[in-house]
Amino acid sequence: MTRPATRSAEGATLALRVQPRAARDEIVGWRAGVLRLRVTAPPVEGEANRAAGALLARALGVPPSAVRVVRGERGRDKLVRIAGLTAADVRARLA
């Protein structure tokens, strides 16, 4: 099982599974240690990544610039880094 959120020097990292072109933007929940998101944006020219980052930033109460895709820019499975938060902060704010 993967760890849902880890802490690094730059912030917490979080595994995501993003479904583009959904009916609405929403956080679906955790499955097997991965946070599942749905976004209305298409997977074209980074639009889905920006929408997922904005959705996650709103849910965590951080600016969108604090959320950065570290791995998986062109796929549904992503690893994002949230600057300024610990793994415990992420779990608490998403609970």
PDB file of N, CA and C in Angstrom:
ATOM      1  N   MET A   1       0.838  -1.180   0.000  1.00  0.00           N
ATOM      2  CA  MET A   1       0.000   0.000   0.000  1.00  0.00           C
ATOM      3  C   MET A   1       0.877   1.235   0.000  1.00  0.00           C
ATOM      4  N   THR A   2       0.519   2.232  -0.804  1.00  0.00           N
ATOM      5  CA  THR A   2       1.294   3.455  -0.835  1.00  0.00           C
ATOM      6  C   THR A   2       0.925   4.343   0.330  1.00  0.00           C
ATOM      7  N   ARG A   3       1.850   5.190   0.686  1.00  0.00           N
ATOM      8  CA  ARG A   3       1.571   6.137   1.763  1.00  0.00           C
ATOM      9  C   ARG A   3       0.795   7.298   1.175  1.00  0.00           C
ATOM     10  N   PRO A   4      -0.343   7.687   1.764  1.00  0.00           N
ATOM     11  CA  PRO A   4      -1.186   8.704   1.180  1.00  0.00           C
ATOM     12  C   PRO A   4      -0.564  10.092   1.151  1.00  0.00           C
ATOM     13  N   ALA A   5       0.227  10.432   2.144  1.00  0.00           N
ATOM     14  CA  ALA A   5       0.858  11.747   2.167  1.00  0.00           C
ATOM     15  C   ALA A   5       2.148  11.621   2.951  1.00  0.00           C
ATOM     16  N   THR A   6       3.195  12.199   2.425  1.00  0.00           N
ATOM     17  CA  THR A   6       4.474  12.165   3.112  1.00  0.00           C
ATOM     18  C   THR A   6       5.019  13.574   3.226  1.00  0.00           C
ATOM     19  N   ARG A   7       5.957  13.762   4.133  1.00  0.00           N
ATOM     20  CA  ARG A   7       6.537  15.070   4.393  1.00  0.00           C
ATOM     21  C   ARG A   7       7.944  15.120   3.809  1.00  0.00           C
ATOM     22  N   SER A   8       8.259  16.180   3.107  1.00  0.00           N
ATOM     23  CA  SER A   8       9.613  16.398   2.626  1.00  0.00           C
ATOM     24  C   SER A   8      10.029  17.811   3.042  1.00  0.00           C
ATOM     25  N   ALA A   9      11.235  18.195   2.700  1.00  0.00           N
ATOM     26  CA  ALA A   9      11.728  19.520   3.072  1.00  0.00           C
ATOM     27  C   ALA A   9      10.896  20.633   2.432  1.00  0.00           C
ATOM     28  N   GLU A  10      10.343  20.373   1.249  1.00  0.00           N
ATOM     29  CA  GLU A  10       9.575  21.392   0.541  1.00  0.00           C
ATOM     30  C   GLU A  10       8.085  21.362   0.875  1.00  0.00           C
ATOM     31  N   GLY A  11       7.606  20.339   1.551  1.00  0.00           N
ATOM     32  CA  GLY A  11       6.188  20.226   1.871  1.00  0.00           C
ATOM     33  C   GLY A  11       5.737  18.783   1.805  1.00  0.00           C
ATOM     34  N   ALA A  12       4.449  18.584   1.920  1.00  0.00           N
ATOM     35  CA  ALA A  12       3.876  17.236   1.897  1.00  0.00           C
ATOM     36  C   ALA A  12       3.671  16.801   0.452  1.00  0.00           C
ATOM     37  N   THR A  13       3.879  15.512   0.176  1.00  0.00           N
ATOM     38  CA  THR A  13       3.568  14.965  -1.140  1.00  0.00           C
ATOM     39  C   THR A  13       2.330  14.090  -1.027  1.00  0.00           C
ATOM     40  N   LEU A  14       1.563  14.063  -2.093  1.00  0.00           N
ATOM     41  CA  LEU A  14       0.276  13.393  -2.076  1.00  0.00           C
ATOM     42  C   LEU A  14       0.051  12.699  -3.412  1.00  0.00           C
ATOM     43  N   ALA A  15      -0.375  11.435  -3.358  1.00  0.00           N
ATOM     44  CA  ALA A  15      -0.690  10.673  -4.568  1.00  0.00           C
ATOM     45  C   ALA A  15      -2.132  10.966  -4.970  1.00  0.00           C
ATOM     46  N   LEU A  16      -2.331  11.281  -6.251  1.00  0.00           N
ATOM     47  CA  LEU A  16      -3.658  11.594  -6.779  1.00  0.00           C
ATOM     48  C   LEU A  16      -3.990  10.701  -7.962  1.00  0.00           C
ATOM     49  N   ARG A  17      -5.282  10.483  -8.158  1.00  0.00           N
ATOM     50  CA  ARG A  17      -5.815   9.865  -9.382  1.00  0.00           C
ATOM     51  C   ARG A  17      -6.863  10.849  -9.888  1.00  0.00           C
ATOM     52  N   VAL A  18      -6.637  11.432 -11.067  1.00  0.00           N
ATOM     53  CA  VAL A  18      -7.498  12.488 -11.596  1.00  0.00           C
ATOM     54  C   VAL A  18      -8.309  11.960 -12.770  1.00  0.00           C
ATOM     55  N   GLN A  19      -9.610  12.215 -12.726  1.00  0.00           N
ATOM     56  CA  GLN A  19     -10.497  11.871 -13.838  1.00  0.00           C
ATOM     57  C   GLN A  19     -10.896  13.168 -14.539  1.00  0.00           C
ATOM     58  N   PRO A  20     -10.360  13.415 -15.736  1.00  0.00           N
ATOM     59  CA  PRO A  20     -10.737  14.627 -16.472  1.00  0.00           C
ATOM     60  C   PRO A  20     -12.096  14.478 -17.147  1.00  0.00           C
ATOM     61  N   ARG A  21     -12.634  15.595 -17.612  1.00  0.00           N
ATOM     62  CA  ARG A  21     -13.920  15.651 -18.314  1.00  0.00           C
ATOM     63  C   ARG A  21     -15.067  15.037 -17.525  1.00  0.00           C
ATOM     64  N   ALA A  22     -15.072  15.267 -16.229  1.00  0.00           N
ATOM     65  CA  ALA A  22     -16.158  14.779 -15.374  1.00  0.00           C
ATOM     66  C   ALA A  22     -17.322  15.783 -15.412  1.00  0.00           C
ATOM     67  N   ALA A  23     -18.435  15.406 -14.834  1.00  0.00           N
ATOM     68  CA  ALA A  23     -19.606  16.274 -14.810  1.00  0.00           C
ATOM     69  C   ALA A  23     -19.403  17.482 -13.893  1.00  0.00           C
ATOM     70  N   ARG A  24     -18.585  17.322 -12.851  1.00  0.00           N
ATOM     71  CA  ARG A  24     -18.321  18.431 -11.918  1.00  0.00           C
ATOM     72  C   ARG A  24     -16.970  18.228 -11.247  1.00  0.00           C
ATOM     73  N   ASP A  25     -16.439  19.320 -10.723  1.00  0.00           N
ATOM     74  CA  ASP A  25     -15.193  19.249  -9.965  1.00  0.00           C
ATOM     75  C   ASP A  25     -15.509  18.769  -8.556  1.00  0.00           C
ATOM     76  N   GLU A  26     -14.847  17.689  -8.131  1.00  0.00           N
ATOM     77  CA  GLU A  26     -15.093  17.178  -6.785  1.00  0.00           C
ATOM     78  C   GLU A  26     -13.962  16.275  -6.323  1.00  0.00           C
ATOM     79  N   ILE A  27     -13.835  16.192  -5.007  1.00  0.00           N
ATOM     80  CA  ILE A  27     -12.922  15.240  -4.395  1.00  0.00           C
ATOM     81  C   ILE A  27     -13.752  14.012  -4.061  1.00  0.00           C
ATOM     82  N   VAL A  28     -13.404  12.889  -4.659  1.00  0.00           N
ATOM     83  CA  VAL A  28     -14.181  11.667  -4.493  1.00  0.00           C
ATOM     84  C   VAL A  28     -13.868  11.004  -3.155  1.00  0.00           C
ATOM     85  N   GLY A  29     -12.599  10.948  -2.791  1.00  0.00           N
ATOM     86  CA  GLY A  29     -12.195  10.327  -1.536  1.00  0.00           C
ATOM     87  C   GLY A  29     -10.942   9.493  -1.721  1.00  0.00           C
ATOM     88  N   TRP A  30     -10.600   8.774  -0.678  1.00  0.00           N
ATOM     89  CA  TRP A  30      -9.382   7.960  -0.673  1.00  0.00           C
ATOM     90  C   TRP A  30      -9.692   6.541  -1.118  1.00  0.00           C
ATOM     91  N   ARG A  31      -8.802   5.980  -1.929  1.00  0.00           N
ATOM     92  CA  ARG A  31      -8.897   4.571  -2.306  1.00  0.00           C
ATOM     93  C   ARG A  31      -7.467   4.033  -2.406  1.00  0.00           C
ATOM     94  N   ALA A  32      -7.168   3.052  -1.592  1.00  0.00           N
ATOM     95  CA  ALA A  32      -5.851   2.411  -1.576  1.00  0.00           C
ATOM     96  C   ALA A  32      -4.726   3.433  -1.401  1.00  0.00           C
ATOM     97  N   GLY A  33      -4.936   4.420  -0.544  1.00  0.00           N
ATOM     98  CA  GLY A  33      -3.900   5.395  -0.248  1.00  0.00           C
ATOM     99  C   GLY A  33      -3.735   6.489  -1.277  1.00  0.00           C
ATOM    100  N   VAL A  34      -4.654   6.565  -2.248  1.00  0.00           N
ATOM    101  CA  VAL A  34      -4.584   7.572  -3.304  1.00  0.00           C
ATOM    102  C   VAL A  34      -5.850   8.418  -3.241  1.00  0.00           C
ATOM    103  N   LEU A  35      -5.694   9.743  -3.281  1.00  0.00           N
ATOM    104  CA  LEU A  35      -6.836  10.647  -3.286  1.00  0.00           C
ATOM    105  C   LEU A  35      -7.371  10.750  -4.700  1.00  0.00           C
ATOM    106  N   ARG A  36      -8.660  10.496  -4.874  1.00  0.00           N
ATOM    107  CA  ARG A  36      -9.286  10.519  -6.196  1.00  0.00           C
ATOM    108  C   ARG A  36     -10.032  11.840  -6.387  1.00  0.00           C
ATOM    109  N   LEU A  37      -9.778  12.483  -7.541  1.00  0.00           N
ATOM    110  CA  LEU A  37     -10.412  13.753  -7.892  1.00  0.00           C
ATOM    111  C   LEU A  37     -11.106  13.623  -9.238  1.00  0.00           C
ATOM    112  N   ARG A  38     -12.161  14.408  -9.420  1.00  0.00           N
ATOM    113  CA  ARG A  38     -12.805  14.537 -10.724  1.00  0.00           C
ATOM    114  C   ARG A  38     -12.794  16.018 -11.080  1.00  0.00           C
ATOM    115  N   VAL A  39     -12.418  16.313 -12.313  1.00  0.00           N
ATOM    116  CA  VAL A  39     -12.412  17.699 -12.782  1.00  0.00           C
ATOM    117  C   VAL A  39     -13.112  17.787 -14.127  1.00  0.00           C
ATOM    118  N   THR A  40     -13.737  18.914 -14.404  1.00  0.00           N
ATOM    119  CA  THR A  40     -14.464  19.101 -15.656  1.00  0.00           C
ATOM    120  C   THR A  40     -13.528  19.426 -16.811  1.00  0.00           C
ATOM    121  N   ALA A  41     -12.334  19.874 -16.530  1.00  0.00           N
ATOM    122  CA  ALA A  41     -11.386  20.281 -17.565  1.00  0.00           C
ATOM    123  C   ALA A  41     -10.918  19.075 -18.388  1.00  0.00           C
ATOM    124  N   PRO A  42     -10.668  19.288 -19.677  1.00  0.00           N
ATOM    125  CA  PRO A  42     -10.144  18.211 -20.512  1.00  0.00           C
ATOM    126  C   PRO A  42      -8.643  18.030 -20.282  1.00  0.00           C
ATOM    127  N   PRO A  43      -8.117  16.874 -20.625  1.00  0.00           N
ATOM    128  CA  PRO A  43      -6.681  16.630 -20.440  1.00  0.00           C
ATOM    129  C   PRO A  43      -5.856  17.183 -21.603  1.00  0.00           C
ATOM    130  N   VAL A  44      -6.006  18.465 -21.854  1.00  0.00           N
ATOM    131  CA  VAL A  44      -5.342  19.115 -22.978  1.00  0.00           C
ATOM    132  C   VAL A  44      -4.503  20.276 -22.462  1.00  0.00           C
ATOM    133  N   GLU A  45      -3.224  20.294 -22.831  1.00  0.00           N
ATOM    134  CA  GLU A  45      -2.315  21.401 -22.508  1.00  0.00           C
ATOM    135  C   GLU A  45      -2.306  21.751 -21.020  1.00  0.00           C
ATOM    136  N   GLY A  46      -2.389  20.755 -20.161  1.00  0.00           N
ATOM    137  CA  GLY A  46      -2.291  20.973 -18.727  1.00  0.00           C
ATOM    138  C   GLY A  46      -3.537  21.513 -18.048  1.00  0.00           C
ATOM    139  N   GLU A  47      -4.646  21.604 -18.765  1.00  0.00           N
ATOM    140  CA  GLU A  47      -5.868  22.153 -18.178  1.00  0.00           C
ATOM    141  C   GLU A  47      -6.361  21.308 -17.001  1.00  0.00           C
ATOM    142  N   ALA A  48      -6.347  19.987 -17.157  1.00  0.00           N
ATOM    143  CA  ALA A  48      -6.806  19.111 -16.072  1.00  0.00           C
ATOM    144  C   ALA A  48      -5.878  19.222 -14.860  1.00  0.00           C
ATOM    145  N   ASN A  49      -4.579  19.362 -15.096  1.00  0.00           N
ATOM    146  CA  ASN A  49      -3.636  19.536 -13.986  1.00  0.00           C
ATOM    147  C   ASN A  49      -3.916  20.825 -13.223  1.00  0.00           C
ATOM    148  N   ARG A  50      -4.152  21.914 -13.963  1.00  0.00           N
ATOM    149  CA  ARG A  50      -4.452  23.190 -13.310  1.00  0.00           C
ATOM    150  C   ARG A  50      -5.761  23.113 -12.527  1.00  0.00           C
ATOM    151  N   ALA A  51      -6.769  22.458 -13.101  1.00  0.00           N
ATOM    152  CA  ALA A  51      -8.059  22.321 -12.415  1.00  0.00           C
ATOM    153  C   ALA A  51      -7.913  21.466 -11.157  1.00  0.00           C
ATOM    154  N   ALA A  52      -7.144  20.384 -11.247  1.00  0.00           N
ATOM    155  CA  ALA A  52      -6.934  19.523 -10.077  1.00  0.00           C
ATOM    156  C   ALA A  52      -6.164  20.274  -8.993  1.00  0.00           C
ATOM    157  N   GLY A  53      -5.163  21.046  -9.385  1.00  0.00           N
ATOM    158  CA  GLY A  53      -4.401  21.840  -8.425  1.00  0.00           C
ATOM    159  C   GLY A  53      -5.258  22.882  -7.744  1.00  0.00           C
ATOM    160  N   ALA A  54      -6.111  23.545  -8.507  1.00  0.00           N
ATOM    161  CA  ALA A  54      -6.998  24.561  -7.935  1.00  0.00           C
ATOM    162  C   ALA A  54      -8.005  23.932  -6.976  1.00  0.00           C
ATOM    163  N   LEU A  55      -8.572  22.797  -7.361  1.00  0.00           N
ATOM    164  CA  LEU A  55      -9.523  22.090  -6.504  1.00  0.00           C
ATOM    165  C   LEU A  55      -8.864  21.662  -5.201  1.00  0.00           C
ATOM    166  N   LEU A  56      -7.690  21.097  -5.296  1.00  0.00           N
ATOM    167  CA  LEU A  56      -6.961  20.657  -4.110  1.00  0.00           C
ATOM    168  C   LEU A  56      -6.575  21.845  -3.237  1.00  0.00           C
ATOM    169  N   ALA A  57      -6.134  22.932  -3.847  1.00  0.00           N
ATOM    170  CA  ALA A  57      -5.759  24.129  -3.097  1.00  0.00           C
ATOM    171  C   ALA A  57      -6.950  24.683  -2.315  1.00  0.00           C
ATOM    172  N   ARG A  58      -8.128  24.744  -2.949  1.00  0.00           N
ATOM    173  CA  ARG A  58      -9.337  25.219  -2.250  1.00  0.00           C
ATOM    174  C   ARG A  58      -9.662  24.329  -1.065  1.00  0.00           C
ATOM    175  N   ALA A  59      -9.583  23.022  -1.259  1.00  0.00           N
ATOM    176  CA  ALA A  59      -9.913  22.081  -0.183  1.00  0.00           C
ATOM    177  C   ALA A  59      -8.927  22.169   0.974  1.00  0.00           C
ATOM    178  N   LEU A  60      -7.669  22.468   0.671  1.00  0.00           N
ATOM    179  CA  LEU A  60      -6.640  22.529   1.714  1.00  0.00           C
ATOM    180  C   LEU A  60      -6.470  23.924   2.301  1.00  0.00           C
ATOM    181  N   GLY A  61      -7.078  24.922   1.676  1.00  0.00           N
ATOM    182  CA  GLY A  61      -6.962  26.281   2.178  1.00  0.00           C
ATOM    183  C   GLY A  61      -5.587  26.892   1.935  1.00  0.00           C
ATOM    184  N   VAL A  62      -4.987  26.550   0.803  1.00  0.00           N
ATOM    185  CA  VAL A  62      -3.687  27.107   0.430  1.00  0.00           C
ATOM    186  C   VAL A  62      -3.826  27.771  -0.939  1.00  0.00           C
ATOM    187  N   PRO A  63      -2.905  28.661  -1.305  1.00  0.00           N
ATOM    188  CA  PRO A  63      -2.983  29.254  -2.643  1.00  0.00           C
ATOM    189  C   PRO A  63      -2.667  28.208  -3.715  1.00  0.00           C
ATOM    190  N   PRO A  64      -3.227  28.361  -4.908  1.00  0.00           N
ATOM    191  CA  PRO A  64      -2.962  27.398  -5.980  1.00  0.00           C
ATOM    192  C   PRO A  64      -1.474  27.247  -6.301  1.00  0.00           C
ATOM    193  N   SER A  65      -0.703  28.279  -6.078  1.00  0.00           N
ATOM    194  CA  SER A  65       0.734  28.209  -6.350  1.00  0.00           C
ATOM    195  C   SER A  65       1.461  27.268  -5.391  1.00  0.00           C
ATOM    196  N   ALA A  66       0.819  26.893  -4.287  1.00  0.00           N
ATOM    197  CA  ALA A  66       1.428  25.988  -3.307  1.00  0.00           C
ATOM    198  C   ALA A  66       1.307  24.526  -3.727  1.00  0.00           C
ATOM    199  N   VAL A  67       0.479  24.244  -4.736  1.00  0.00           N
ATOM    200  CA  VAL A  67       0.265  22.870  -5.203  1.00  0.00           C
ATOM    201  C   VAL A  67       0.980  22.705  -6.541  1.00  0.00           C
ATOM    202  N   ARG A  68       1.897  21.732  -6.605  1.00  0.00           N
ATOM    203  CA  ARG A  68       2.697  21.529  -7.818  1.00  0.00           C
ATOM    204  C   ARG A  68       2.757  20.045  -8.152  1.00  0.00           C
ATOM    205  N   VAL A  69       2.537  19.716  -9.419  1.00  0.00           N
ATOM    206  CA  VAL A  69       2.657  18.331  -9.879  1.00  0.00           C
ATOM    207  C   VAL A  69       4.144  17.993  -9.972  1.00  0.00           C
ATOM    208  N   VAL A  70       4.550  16.956  -9.241  1.00  0.00           N
ATOM    209  CA  VAL A  70       5.936  16.528  -9.230  1.00  0.00           C
ATOM    210  C   VAL A  70       6.162  15.412 -10.250  1.00  0.00           C
ATOM    211  N   ARG A  71       5.166  14.541 -10.378  1.00  0.00           N
ATOM    212  CA  ARG A  71       5.273  13.406 -11.297  1.00  0.00           C
ATOM    213  C   ARG A  71       3.891  13.104 -11.867  1.00  0.00           C
ATOM    214  N   GLY A  72       3.840  12.754 -13.146  1.00  0.00           N
ATOM    215  CA  GLY A  72       2.583  12.340 -13.757  1.00  0.00           C
ATOM    216  C   GLY A  72       1.823  13.440 -14.462  1.00  0.00           C
ATOM    217  N   GLU A  73       2.515  14.429 -15.002  1.00  0.00           N
ATOM    218  CA  GLU A  73       1.835  15.541 -15.661  1.00  0.00           C
ATOM    219  C   GLU A  73       0.969  15.108 -16.836  1.00  0.00           C
ATOM    220  N   ARG A  74       1.328  14.015 -17.498  1.00  0.00           N
ATOM    221  CA  ARG A  74       0.596  13.589 -18.678  1.00  0.00           C
ATOM    222  C   ARG A  74      -0.269  12.344 -18.442  1.00  0.00           C
ATOM    223  N   GLY A  75      -0.427  11.935 -17.192  1.00  0.00           N
ATOM    224  CA  GLY A  75      -1.231  10.763 -16.893  1.00  0.00           C
ATOM    225  C   GLY A  75      -2.273  11.062 -15.830  1.00  0.00           C
ATOM    226  N   ARG A  76      -3.101  10.090 -15.556  1.00  0.00           N
ATOM    227  CA  ARG A  76      -4.125  10.261 -14.525  1.00  0.00           C
ATOM    228  C   ARG A  76      -3.568  10.133 -13.115  1.00  0.00           C
ATOM    229  N   ASP A  77      -2.529   9.314 -12.970  1.00  0.00           N
ATOM    230  CA  ASP A  77      -1.903   9.129 -11.671  1.00  0.00           C
ATOM    231  C   ASP A  77      -0.814  10.169 -11.493  1.00  0.00           C
ATOM    232  N   LYS A  78      -0.893  10.934 -10.422  1.00  0.00           N
ATOM    233  CA  LYS A  78       0.017  12.048 -10.202  1.00  0.00           C
ATOM    234  C   LYS A  78       0.563  12.033  -8.784  1.00  0.00           C
ATOM    235  N   LEU A  79       1.691  12.672  -8.626  1.00  0.00           N
ATOM    236  CA  LEU A  79       2.255  12.931  -7.317  1.00  0.00           C
ATOM    237  C   LEU A  79       2.373  14.442  -7.233  1.00  0.00           C
ATOM    238  N   VAL A  80       1.730  15.036  -6.232  1.00  0.00           N
ATOM    239  CA  VAL A  80       1.776  16.491  -6.070  1.00  0.00           C
ATOM    240  C   VAL A  80       2.453  16.847  -4.759  1.00  0.00           C
ATOM    241  N   ARG A  81       3.069  18.011  -4.750  1.00  0.00           N
ATOM    242  CA  ARG A  81       3.695  18.535  -3.538  1.00  0.00           C
ATOM    243  C   ARG A  81       2.907  19.762  -3.100  1.00  0.00           C
ATOM    244  N   ILE A  82       2.559  19.794  -1.807  1.00  0.00           N
ATOM    245  CA  ILE A  82       1.844  20.921  -1.239  1.00  0.00           C
ATOM    246  C   ILE A  82       2.808  21.649  -0.309  1.00  0.00           C
ATOM    247  N   ALA A  83       3.222  22.823  -0.716  1.00  0.00           N
ATOM    248  CA  ALA A  83       4.194  23.591   0.053  1.00  0.00           C
ATOM    249  C   ALA A  83       3.560  24.139   1.328  1.00  0.00           C
ATOM    250  N   GLY A  84       4.307  24.078   2.405  1.00  0.00           N
ATOM    251  CA  GLY A  84       3.870  24.683   3.657  1.00  0.00           C
ATOM    252  C   GLY A  84       2.991  23.820   4.540  1.00  0.00           C
ATOM    253  N   LEU A  85       2.693  22.591   4.122  1.00  0.00           N
ATOM    254  CA  LEU A  85       1.854  21.714   4.931  1.00  0.00           C
ATOM    255  C   LEU A  85       2.597  20.419   5.245  1.00  0.00           C
ATOM    256  N   THR A  86       2.256  19.828   6.362  1.00  0.00           N
ATOM    257  CA  THR A  86       2.769  18.504   6.700  1.00  0.00           C
ATOM    258  C   THR A  86       1.750  17.470   6.239  1.00  0.00           C
ATOM    259  N   ALA A  87       2.152  16.212   6.245  1.00  0.00           N
ATOM    260  CA  ALA A  87       1.236  15.136   5.874  1.00  0.00           C
ATOM    261  C   ALA A  87       0.034  15.111   6.813  1.00  0.00           C
ATOM    262  N   ALA A  88       0.272  15.374   8.098  1.00  0.00           N
ATOM    263  CA  ALA A  88      -0.831  15.401   9.071  1.00  0.00           C
ATOM    264  C   ALA A  88      -1.800  16.547   8.759  1.00  0.00           C
ATOM    265  N   ASP A  89      -1.259  17.694   8.352  1.00  0.00           N
ATOM    266  CA  ASP A  89      -2.128  18.828   7.974  1.00  0.00           C
ATOM    267  C   ASP A  89      -3.019  18.461   6.796  1.00  0.00           C
ATOM    268  N   VAL A  90      -2.436  17.810   5.809  1.00  0.00           N
ATOM    269  CA  VAL A  90      -3.185  17.419   4.612  1.00  0.00           C
ATOM    270  C   VAL A  90      -4.324  16.476   4.985  1.00  0.00           C
ATOM    271  N   ARG A  91      -4.009  15.437   5.755  1.00  0.00           N
ATOM    272  CA  ARG A  91      -5.036  14.467   6.157  1.00  0.00           C
ATOM    273  C   ARG A  91      -6.143  15.149   6.969  1.00  0.00           C
ATOM    274  N   ALA A  92      -5.759  16.028   7.886  1.00  0.00           N
ATOM    275  CA  ALA A  92      -6.744  16.702   8.732  1.00  0.00           C
ATOM    276  C   ALA A  92      -7.659  17.625   7.907  1.00  0.00           C
ATOM    277  N   ARG A  93      -7.086  18.348   6.969  1.00  0.00           N
ATOM    278  CA  ARG A  93      -7.885  19.287   6.175  1.00  0.00           C
ATOM    279  C   ARG A  93      -8.773  18.588   5.158  1.00  0.00           C
ATOM    280  N   LEU A  94      -8.406  17.393   4.748  1.00  0.00           N
ATOM    281  CA  LEU A  94      -9.230  16.650   3.789  1.00  0.00           C
ATOM    282  C   LEU A  94     -10.233  15.716   4.459  1.00  0.00           C
ATOM    283  N   ALA A  95     -10.159  15.598   5.771  1.00  0.00           N
ATOM    284  CA  ALA A  95     -11.067  14.699   6.499  1.00  0.00           C
ATOM    285  C   ALA A  95     -12.474  15.251   6.567  1.00  0.00           C
TER     286      ALA A  95
END
